[in-house]
Amino acid sequence: MPRTRRRLMGYCAACARPVRLGDYLMCSKGCGGRLCRSHGRCIARHSPNCPQRATAYTDSPQEAA
């Protein structure tokens, strides 16, 4: 029986490897990035760089210390 190829769904948002149907997780912050399911480091690498991450802004640099 011939082996069917799974459809390419895009590329990992952290490591740029191709991800196929069923091999990826979506970013938990809602940015729409696909992350390698098999590589836990991709999730950790993407989280601080995610465009939807929580950020805190201050009016003055002295208040941040």
C-alpha atoms as a PDB file:
ATOM      1  CA  MET A   1       0.000   0.000   0.000  1.00  0.00           C
ATOM      2  CA  PRO A   2       1.528   3.393  -0.926  1.00  0.00           C
ATOM      3  CA  ARG A   3       2.362   5.732   1.905  1.00  0.00           C
ATOM      4  CA  THR A   4       0.443   8.993   1.826  1.00  0.00           C
ATOM      5  CA  ARG A   5       2.287  12.230   2.484  1.00  0.00           C
ATOM      6  CA  ARG A   6       0.883  14.584   5.064  1.00  0.00           C
ATOM      7  CA  ARG A   7       0.145  18.094   3.924  1.00  0.00           C
ATOM      8  CA  LEU A   8       2.667  20.856   4.637  1.00  0.00           C
ATOM      9  CA  MET A   9       1.000  23.385   6.929  1.00  0.00           C
ATOM     10  CA  GLY A  10       3.760  25.980   7.138  1.00  0.00           C
ATOM     11  CA  TYR A  11       6.941  26.482   9.112  1.00  0.00           C
ATOM     12  CA  CYS A  12       7.762  26.561  12.814  1.00  0.00           C
ATOM     13  CA  ALA A  13       7.707  30.108  14.208  1.00  0.00           C
ATOM     14  CA  ALA A  14      10.818  29.392  16.303  1.00  0.00           C
ATOM     15  CA  CYS A  15      13.131  27.165  14.241  1.00  0.00           C
ATOM     16  CA  ALA A  16      11.664  27.474  10.703  1.00  0.00           C
ATOM     17  CA  ARG A  17      11.414  23.707  10.197  1.00  0.00           C
ATOM     18  CA  PRO A  18       8.541  22.567   7.998  1.00  0.00           C
ATOM     19  CA  VAL A  19       5.513  21.440  10.014  1.00  0.00           C
ATOM     20  CA  ARG A  20       2.984  19.007   8.634  1.00  0.00           C
ATOM     21  CA  LEU A  21      -0.610  18.329   9.510  1.00  0.00           C
ATOM     22  CA  GLY A  22      -0.753  16.963  13.072  1.00  0.00           C
ATOM     23  CA  ASP A  23       2.910  17.708  13.885  1.00  0.00           C
ATOM     24  CA  TYR A  24       2.582  21.182  15.367  1.00  0.00           C
ATOM     25  CA  LEU A  25       1.036  23.183  18.199  1.00  0.00           C
ATOM     26  CA  MET A  26      -0.448  26.652  17.838  1.00  0.00           C
ATOM     27  CA  CYS A  27       0.988  29.466  19.962  1.00  0.00           C
ATOM     28  CA  SER A  28      -0.901  29.676  23.262  1.00  0.00           C
ATOM     29  CA  LYS A  29      -0.853  33.492  23.183  1.00  0.00           C
ATOM     30  CA  GLY A  30      -2.951  33.655  20.025  1.00  0.00           C
ATOM     31  CA  CYS A  31      -0.471  35.060  17.499  1.00  0.00           C
ATOM     32  CA  GLY A  32      -1.170  32.203  15.076  1.00  0.00           C
ATOM     33  CA  GLY A  33       2.386  30.849  15.080  1.00  0.00           C
ATOM     34  CA  ARG A  34       2.852  27.134  14.512  1.00  0.00           C
ATOM     35  CA  LEU A  35       5.440  25.461  16.755  1.00  0.00           C
ATOM     36  CA  CYS A  36       7.121  22.053  16.474  1.00  0.00           C
ATOM     37  CA  ARG A  37       5.339  19.562  18.704  1.00  0.00           C
ATOM     38  CA  SER A  38       8.404  17.322  18.982  1.00  0.00           C
ATOM     39  CA  HIS A  39      10.766  20.095  20.109  1.00  0.00           C
ATOM     40  CA  GLY A  40       9.829  21.589  23.496  1.00  0.00           C
ATOM     41  CA  ARG A  41      12.573  24.176  23.061  1.00  0.00           C
ATOM     42  CA  CYS A  42      10.635  25.775  20.190  1.00  0.00           C
ATOM     43  CA  ILE A  43       7.829  26.747  22.579  1.00  0.00           C
ATOM     44  CA  ALA A  44      10.302  28.186  25.085  1.00  0.00           C
ATOM     45  CA  ARG A  45      12.147  30.069  22.323  1.00  0.00           C
ATOM     46  CA  HIS A  46       8.993  31.564  20.801  1.00  0.00           C
ATOM     47  CA  SER A  47       7.275  32.722  24.019  1.00  0.00           C
ATOM     48  CA  PRO A  48       9.540  35.734  24.820  1.00  0.00           C
ATOM     49  CA  ASN A  49       9.481  36.841  21.160  1.00  0.00           C
ATOM     50  CA  CYS A  50       5.750  36.399  20.540  1.00  0.00           C
ATOM     51  CA  PRO A  51       4.060  39.578  19.285  1.00  0.00           C
ATOM     52  CA  GLN A  52       1.108  38.855  21.611  1.00  0.00           C
ATOM     53  CA  ARG A  53       3.227  38.537  24.794  1.00  0.00           C
ATOM     54  CA  ALA A  54       2.318  40.605  27.831  1.00  0.00           C
ATOM     55  CA  THR A  55       4.428  43.730  28.146  1.00  0.00           C
ATOM     56  CA  ALA A  56       4.642  46.371  30.845  1.00  0.00           C
ATOM     57  CA  TYR A  57       5.342  49.972  29.947  1.00  0.00           C
ATOM     58  CA  THR A  58       6.401  52.770  32.258  1.00  0.00           C
ATOM     59  CA  ASP A  59       6.344  56.517  31.706  1.00  0.00           C
ATOM     60  CA  SER A  60       9.784  56.982  33.146  1.00  0.00           C
ATOM     61  CA  PRO A  61      12.907  54.779  32.989  1.00  0.00           C
ATOM     62  CA  GLN A  62      13.613  55.617  36.666  1.00  0.00           C
ATOM     63  CA  GLU A  63      10.319  53.960  37.721  1.00  0.00           C
ATOM     64  CA  ALA A  64      11.308  50.643  36.121  1.00  0.00           C
ATOM     65  CA  ALA A  65      14.146  50.056  38.613  1.00  0.00           C
END
